[in-house]
Amino acid sequence: MNEKIILGEINTLLIKRDTDHGFFLVPSRTKEEICEQSDTEAYEVLLPNAYITDDMQVGDEIEVFIYTDSEDRLVATTDYPKALINEFAFVKVVDVAPFGAFVDIGLPKHLLVPNNKQKNKFHVGDKRIIRVVKDDKSERLIGIEKITSFLSSDTKHFKKNQEIKVLVISKTPLGFKVIVDNNYEGMIYSNEVYCKLFTGDTKKAYIKTIREDGKLDISLQPIGKNANKDAGSEKILELLSKNNGFLPYNYKSEAEDITNVFNMSKKNFKSSLTLLIESNKISLDETGIKKL
């Protein structure tokens, strides 16, 4: 395999030639260099006709995902999977075999999770969190449910209130375990959750605390009094814009209704309302909130 065609990742490749089966792509060096060489067939990868659009032409550079087909040949697709190599995904089990289970990763070819890479036996219809990796022996992409060893505790570079992306992987008595930026373990505590969370959800979140063991405490809202007010105010204004400038809520509204509609605590809701009133952005009366 040419080192510039990377399995399991998004590659920028050059359309070298057109055939009955599709376009053959090669690594994007300079167009002149690639087009002058006659030995590039050894480094070619097929983009099947199903993914070719009218605006694609020989000589164009395009972004494609690289995986292997049923005969272990490299193949390109313009469809992107639920996870690239070394990333996590929430997937559904679609088939089982004596040697493992197959999960839907968002590609025509389902991803194998070998039996020895499963924490608990997979059954058709199950939904699991897996990590996509390259198998050293077969050089194919596979899935692994045993993900703990892939999570790093080297979290010193994070800063409080830093924005991150999290994947919810399980619910515990304390709250929700999450994977942070595809590499680190975090926790969102139940008493700080003001929206419905489910395994497989991906959310924008913020670093709350960096613990001594390297694990992270995570918040779904920005940290700090002013940050919460600002975020809450933006949420209220956003919902007002989507509802013709009026919402039937005020200081006396039930906390449960506030949580369900605005995804925040009643305390933060009231603070945000006050900030918006003082900024002359809304008016408030017994019927609800009006955008000015």
Protein backbone atom coordinates (compact mmCIF):
# COMPACT_ATOMS: atom_id res chain seq x y z
CA MET A 1 0.00 0.00 0.00
CA ASN A 2 1.28 3.42 -0.85
CA GLU A 3 2.00 5.32 2.34
CA LYS A 4 -0.08 8.25 1.14
CA ILE A 5 -3.25 6.15 0.86
CA ILE A 6 -4.25 5.60 4.46
CA LEU A 7 -6.73 2.92 5.45
CA GLY A 8 -9.56 4.08 7.68
CA GLU A 9 -9.03 7.79 7.12
CA ILE A 10 -10.20 10.59 4.85
CA ASN A 11 -7.70 10.88 2.00
CA THR A 12 -7.33 13.64 -0.58
CA LEU A 13 -6.67 11.80 -3.84
CA LEU A 14 -6.37 12.68 -7.52
CA ILE A 15 -8.69 11.21 -10.17
CA LYS A 16 -6.15 9.52 -12.47
CA ARG A 17 -8.35 7.70 -15.01
CA ASP A 18 -11.93 6.73 -15.87
CA THR A 19 -12.98 3.09 -16.42
CA ASP A 20 -16.19 1.11 -16.79
CA HIS A 21 -16.05 0.29 -13.07
CA GLY A 22 -15.40 3.82 -11.84
CA PHE A 23 -12.56 6.29 -11.31
CA PHE A 24 -9.11 5.15 -10.27
CA LEU A 25 -7.54 7.50 -7.72
CA VAL A 26 -3.91 8.07 -6.79
CA PRO A 27 -2.12 10.03 -4.03
CA SER A 28 -2.22 13.78 -4.57
CA ARG A 29 1.32 14.87 -5.25
CA THR A 30 1.60 17.54 -7.94
CA LYS A 31 -0.79 16.95 -10.83
CA GLU A 32 2.08 17.17 -13.32
CA GLU A 33 4.13 14.52 -11.50
CA ILE A 34 1.21 12.11 -11.20
CA CYS A 35 0.04 12.47 -14.80
CA GLU A 36 3.54 11.94 -16.20
CA GLN A 37 4.15 8.68 -14.35
CA SER A 38 3.15 5.38 -15.91
CA ASP A 39 3.73 3.18 -12.87
CA THR A 40 1.01 4.64 -10.68
CA GLU A 41 -1.36 1.68 -11.24
CA ALA A 42 0.35 -0.08 -8.34
CA TYR A 43 -0.87 2.74 -6.07
CA GLU A 44 -4.38 3.15 -7.46
CA VAL A 45 -7.63 2.75 -5.55
CA LEU A 46 -11.07 2.43 -7.14
CA LEU A 47 -13.93 4.85 -6.55
CA PRO A 48 -16.94 2.83 -7.79
CA ASN A 49 -19.48 4.36 -10.15
CA ALA A 50 -22.08 4.59 -7.38
CA TYR A 51 -20.11 7.46 -5.80
CA ILE A 52 -19.26 9.40 -8.95
CA THR A 53 -21.08 12.68 -9.59
CA ASP A 54 -21.39 14.69 -12.80
CA ASP A 55 -19.01 17.39 -11.58
CA MET A 56 -16.09 14.97 -11.03
CA GLN A 57 -13.47 14.92 -13.78
CA VAL A 58 -10.07 13.34 -14.40
CA GLY A 59 -7.45 15.59 -12.83
CA ASP A 60 -9.68 16.71 -9.96
CA GLU A 61 -8.70 16.22 -6.32
CA ILE A 62 -11.44 14.75 -4.12
CA GLU A 63 -11.77 13.63 -0.51
CA VAL A 64 -12.66 9.97 0.04
CA PHE A 65 -12.74 7.42 2.84
CA ILE A 66 -10.56 4.34 2.30
CA TYR A 67 -11.55 0.85 3.44
CA THR A 68 -11.30 -2.71 2.07
CA ASP A 69 -13.94 -4.60 0.10
CA SER A 70 -15.00 -8.24 0.54
CA GLU A 71 -11.86 -9.36 -1.30
CA ASP A 72 -9.57 -7.20 0.88
CA ARG A 73 -8.87 -4.72 -1.92
CA LEU A 74 -8.59 -1.05 -1.09
CA VAL A 75 -11.69 0.85 -2.18
CA ALA A 76 -12.74 4.50 -1.91
CA THR A 77 -16.10 6.02 -1.04
CA THR A 78 -17.39 9.57 -0.74
CA ASP A 79 -19.70 8.36 2.06
CA TYR A 80 -18.13 8.78 5.47
CA PRO A 81 -18.54 6.16 8.22
CA LYS A 82 -19.75 6.77 11.76
CA ALA A 83 -16.13 6.70 12.91
CA LEU A 84 -12.70 6.88 11.29
CA ILE A 85 -9.80 4.73 12.43
CA ASN A 86 -9.02 5.25 16.14
CA GLU A 87 -12.41 6.87 16.76
CA PHE A 88 -15.45 5.66 18.70
CA ALA A 89 -18.97 5.06 17.44
CA PHE A 90 -22.37 3.90 18.69
CA VAL A 91 -23.33 1.09 16.32
CA LYS A 92 -26.03 -1.53 15.76
CA VAL A 93 -25.29 -5.26 15.48
CA VAL A 94 -26.66 -6.53 12.15
CA ASP A 95 -25.30 -10.09 11.97
CA VAL A 96 -23.42 -12.67 14.03
CA ALA A 97 -21.05 -15.47 13.05
CA PRO A 98 -19.05 -18.11 14.96
CA PHE A 99 -15.97 -15.86 14.92
CA GLY A 100 -17.61 -12.54 15.78
CA ALA A 101 -20.36 -10.05 15.02
CA PHE A 102 -20.91 -7.49 12.29
CA VAL A 103 -22.00 -3.92 13.02
CA ASP A 104 -23.35 -1.16 10.80
CA ILE A 105 -20.66 1.50 10.55
CA GLY A 106 -22.41 3.44 7.77
CA LEU A 107 -20.64 1.73 4.85
CA PRO A 108 -21.74 -0.97 2.36
CA LYS A 109 -19.40 -3.42 4.11
CA HIS A 110 -20.23 -4.05 7.76
CA LEU A 111 -17.46 -3.95 10.36
CA LEU A 112 -16.36 -7.11 12.14
CA VAL A 113 -16.04 -7.14 15.93
CA PRO A 114 -14.21 -10.42 16.72
CA ASN A 115 -15.42 -12.47 19.68
CA ASN A 116 -12.25 -11.76 21.66
CA LYS A 117 -12.80 -8.01 21.24
CA GLN A 118 -16.29 -8.08 22.78
CA LYS A 119 -16.93 -7.45 26.49
CA ASN A 120 -20.25 -9.29 26.33
CA LYS A 121 -21.56 -11.49 23.54
CA PHE A 122 -23.16 -9.50 20.73
CA HIS A 123 -26.69 -10.26 19.50
CA VAL A 124 -28.48 -8.97 16.40
CA GLY A 125 -30.22 -5.72 17.27
CA ASP A 126 -27.83 -4.78 20.11
CA LYS A 127 -26.37 -1.30 20.13
CA ARG A 128 -22.79 -0.98 21.37
CA ILE A 129 -19.98 1.53 21.73
CA ILE A 130 -16.94 0.36 19.74
CA ARG A 131 -13.60 1.76 18.62
CA VAL A 132 -12.48 1.35 15.00
CA VAL A 133 -8.90 0.05 14.75
CA LYS A 134 -6.62 -1.69 12.28
CA ASP A 135 -6.02 -5.37 12.97
CA ASP A 136 -2.28 -6.00 12.92
CA LYS A 137 -2.59 -9.52 11.49
CA SER A 138 -5.17 -9.07 8.75
CA GLU A 139 -4.54 -5.34 8.13
CA ARG A 140 -8.32 -4.89 7.98
CA LEU A 141 -10.45 -2.46 9.93
CA ILE A 142 -12.19 -4.09 12.89
CA GLY A 143 -14.18 -2.96 15.89
CA ILE A 144 -13.25 -3.34 19.56
CA GLU A 145 -15.68 -3.07 22.46
CA LYS A 146 -12.90 -3.37 25.06
CA ILE A 147 -12.03 0.31 24.89
CA THR A 148 -10.53 1.12 28.31
CA SER A 149 -6.93 0.58 27.19
CA PHE A 150 -7.37 3.19 24.45
CA LEU A 151 -8.31 6.00 26.86
CA SER A 152 -5.47 8.26 27.96
CA SER A 153 -5.08 9.78 31.44
CA ASP A 154 -2.67 12.44 30.16
CA THR A 155 -5.12 15.32 30.49
CA LYS A 156 -2.87 18.05 31.90
CA HIS A 157 -3.15 20.07 28.69
CA PHE A 158 -6.86 20.70 29.22
CA LYS A 159 -8.05 23.96 30.77
CA LYS A 160 -11.11 24.70 32.83
CA ASN A 161 -14.07 25.72 30.70
CA GLN A 162 -12.36 24.47 27.51
CA GLU A 163 -14.91 23.46 24.89
CA ILE A 164 -14.80 19.77 23.96
CA LYS A 165 -16.83 17.09 22.19
CA VAL A 166 -18.14 14.14 24.19
CA LEU A 167 -19.71 10.78 23.36
CA VAL A 168 -21.99 9.32 26.04
CA ILE A 169 -21.00 5.68 26.59
CA SER A 170 -22.97 4.58 29.67
CA LYS A 171 -25.15 5.62 32.60
CA THR A 172 -23.86 4.97 36.12
CA PRO A 173 -25.21 5.69 39.63
CA LEU A 174 -23.14 8.91 39.61
CA GLY A 175 -24.09 10.13 36.17
CA PHE A 176 -23.00 9.58 32.60
CA LYS A 177 -19.62 8.26 31.48
CA VAL A 178 -18.35 10.00 28.36
CA ILE A 179 -15.41 9.81 25.99
CA VAL A 180 -13.82 13.23 25.51
CA ASP A 181 -12.41 14.15 22.09
CA ASN A 182 -12.05 10.44 21.18
CA ASN A 183 -9.21 9.94 23.70
CA TYR A 184 -10.09 10.63 27.34
CA GLU A 185 -12.56 9.50 29.99
CA GLY A 186 -14.98 11.90 31.61
CA MET A 187 -18.07 12.05 33.82
CA ILE A 188 -21.16 14.25 33.71
CA TYR A 189 -22.86 14.11 37.12
CA SER A 190 -26.60 13.44 37.19
CA ASN A 191 -27.41 16.48 39.34
CA GLU A 192 -25.87 18.72 36.65
CA VAL A 193 -27.82 17.28 33.70
CA TYR A 194 -30.78 19.38 32.55
CA CYS A 195 -31.63 17.50 29.37
CA LYS A 196 -32.29 13.91 28.36
CA LEU A 197 -29.08 11.99 27.72
CA PHE A 198 -28.74 8.58 26.10
CA THR A 199 -25.88 6.25 25.28
CA GLY A 200 -24.52 7.21 21.87
CA ASP A 201 -25.36 10.90 22.15
CA THR A 202 -22.65 13.33 21.06
CA LYS A 203 -22.63 16.73 22.73
CA LYS A 204 -20.65 19.93 22.93
CA ALA A 205 -19.43 20.20 26.51
CA TYR A 206 -16.89 21.92 28.77
CA ILE A 207 -14.07 20.88 31.12
CA LYS A 208 -15.15 21.39 34.72
CA THR A 209 -12.39 19.66 36.72
CA ILE A 210 -9.18 17.81 35.87
CA ARG A 211 -8.83 15.11 38.51
CA GLU A 212 -5.59 13.75 39.95
CA ASP A 213 -6.16 10.37 38.25
CA GLY A 214 -6.39 12.12 34.87
CA LYS A 215 -10.12 11.62 34.49
CA LEU A 216 -12.28 14.62 33.70
CA ASP A 217 -15.42 16.08 35.24
CA ILE A 218 -17.53 17.50 32.45
CA SER A 219 -20.29 20.11 32.24
CA LEU A 220 -22.81 20.52 29.45
CA GLN A 221 -22.92 24.25 30.20
CA PRO A 222 -20.03 26.75 30.24
CA ILE A 223 -18.42 27.07 33.66
CA GLY A 224 -18.91 30.18 35.78
CA LYS A 225 -21.78 32.46 36.71
CA ASN A 226 -21.44 34.83 33.78
CA ALA A 227 -20.80 32.01 31.32
CA ASN A 228 -24.01 30.26 32.38
CA LYS A 229 -25.95 33.49 32.03
CA ASP A 230 -24.57 34.13 28.56
CA ALA A 231 -25.28 30.60 27.38
CA GLY A 232 -28.76 30.64 28.89
CA SER A 233 -29.55 33.99 27.33
CA GLU A 234 -28.48 32.78 23.89
CA LYS A 235 -30.68 29.69 24.27
CA ILE A 236 -33.74 31.75 25.23
CA LEU A 237 -33.23 34.16 22.32
CA GLU A 238 -32.74 31.24 19.94
CA LEU A 239 -36.04 29.65 21.02
CA LEU A 240 -37.84 32.99 20.83
CA SER A 241 -36.70 33.38 17.23
CA LYS A 242 -38.03 29.92 16.40
CA ASN A 243 -41.41 30.65 18.06
CA ASN A 244 -42.40 34.01 16.56
CA GLY A 245 -40.86 35.99 19.40
CA PHE A 246 -42.97 34.56 22.25
CA LEU A 247 -42.61 31.76 24.81
CA PRO A 248 -45.22 31.01 27.52
CA TYR A 249 -42.76 30.84 30.43
CA ASN A 250 -41.68 33.18 33.24
CA TYR A 251 -40.12 33.21 36.71
CA LYS A 252 -43.01 31.14 38.09
CA SER A 253 -42.81 28.32 35.56
CA GLU A 254 -42.24 24.80 36.85
CA ALA A 255 -38.61 23.65 37.07
CA GLU A 256 -39.42 20.48 35.12
CA ASP A 257 -40.89 22.51 32.24
CA ILE A 258 -37.81 24.75 32.21
CA THR A 259 -35.50 21.73 32.06
CA ASN A 260 -37.47 20.08 29.25
CA VAL A 261 -37.76 23.20 27.09
CA PHE A 262 -34.56 25.14 27.77
CA ASN A 263 -32.16 22.39 28.96
CA MET A 264 -31.09 24.40 32.00
CA SER A 265 -31.86 24.65 35.69
CA LYS A 266 -34.57 27.04 36.88
CA LYS A 267 -31.89 29.05 38.72
CA ASN A 268 -29.93 29.60 35.49
CA PHE A 269 -33.17 30.31 33.63
CA LYS A 270 -34.15 33.07 36.04
CA SER A 271 -30.65 34.59 35.92
CA SER A 272 -30.71 34.56 32.13
CA LEU A 273 -34.15 36.19 32.03
CA THR A 274 -32.93 38.97 34.33
CA LEU A 275 -29.88 39.56 32.12
CA LEU A 276 -32.05 39.79 28.99
CA ILE A 277 -34.51 42.17 30.67
CA GLU A 278 -31.67 44.43 31.84
CA SER A 279 -30.27 44.38 28.29
CA ASN A 280 -33.68 45.41 26.89
CA LYS A 281 -33.82 42.30 24.70
CA ILE A 282 -37.04 40.86 26.14
CA SER A 283 -40.09 41.84 28.15
CA LEU A 284 -41.72 39.55 30.71
CA ASP A 285 -45.23 39.35 32.14
CA GLU A 286 -47.66 36.74 33.43
CA THR A 287 -48.27 35.35 29.92
CA GLY A 288 -44.61 34.75 29.10
CA ILE A 289 -41.50 36.08 27.37
CA LYS A 290 -41.67 38.51 24.46
CA LYS A 291 -38.70 39.39 22.27
CA LEU A 292 -38.15 43.14 21.82
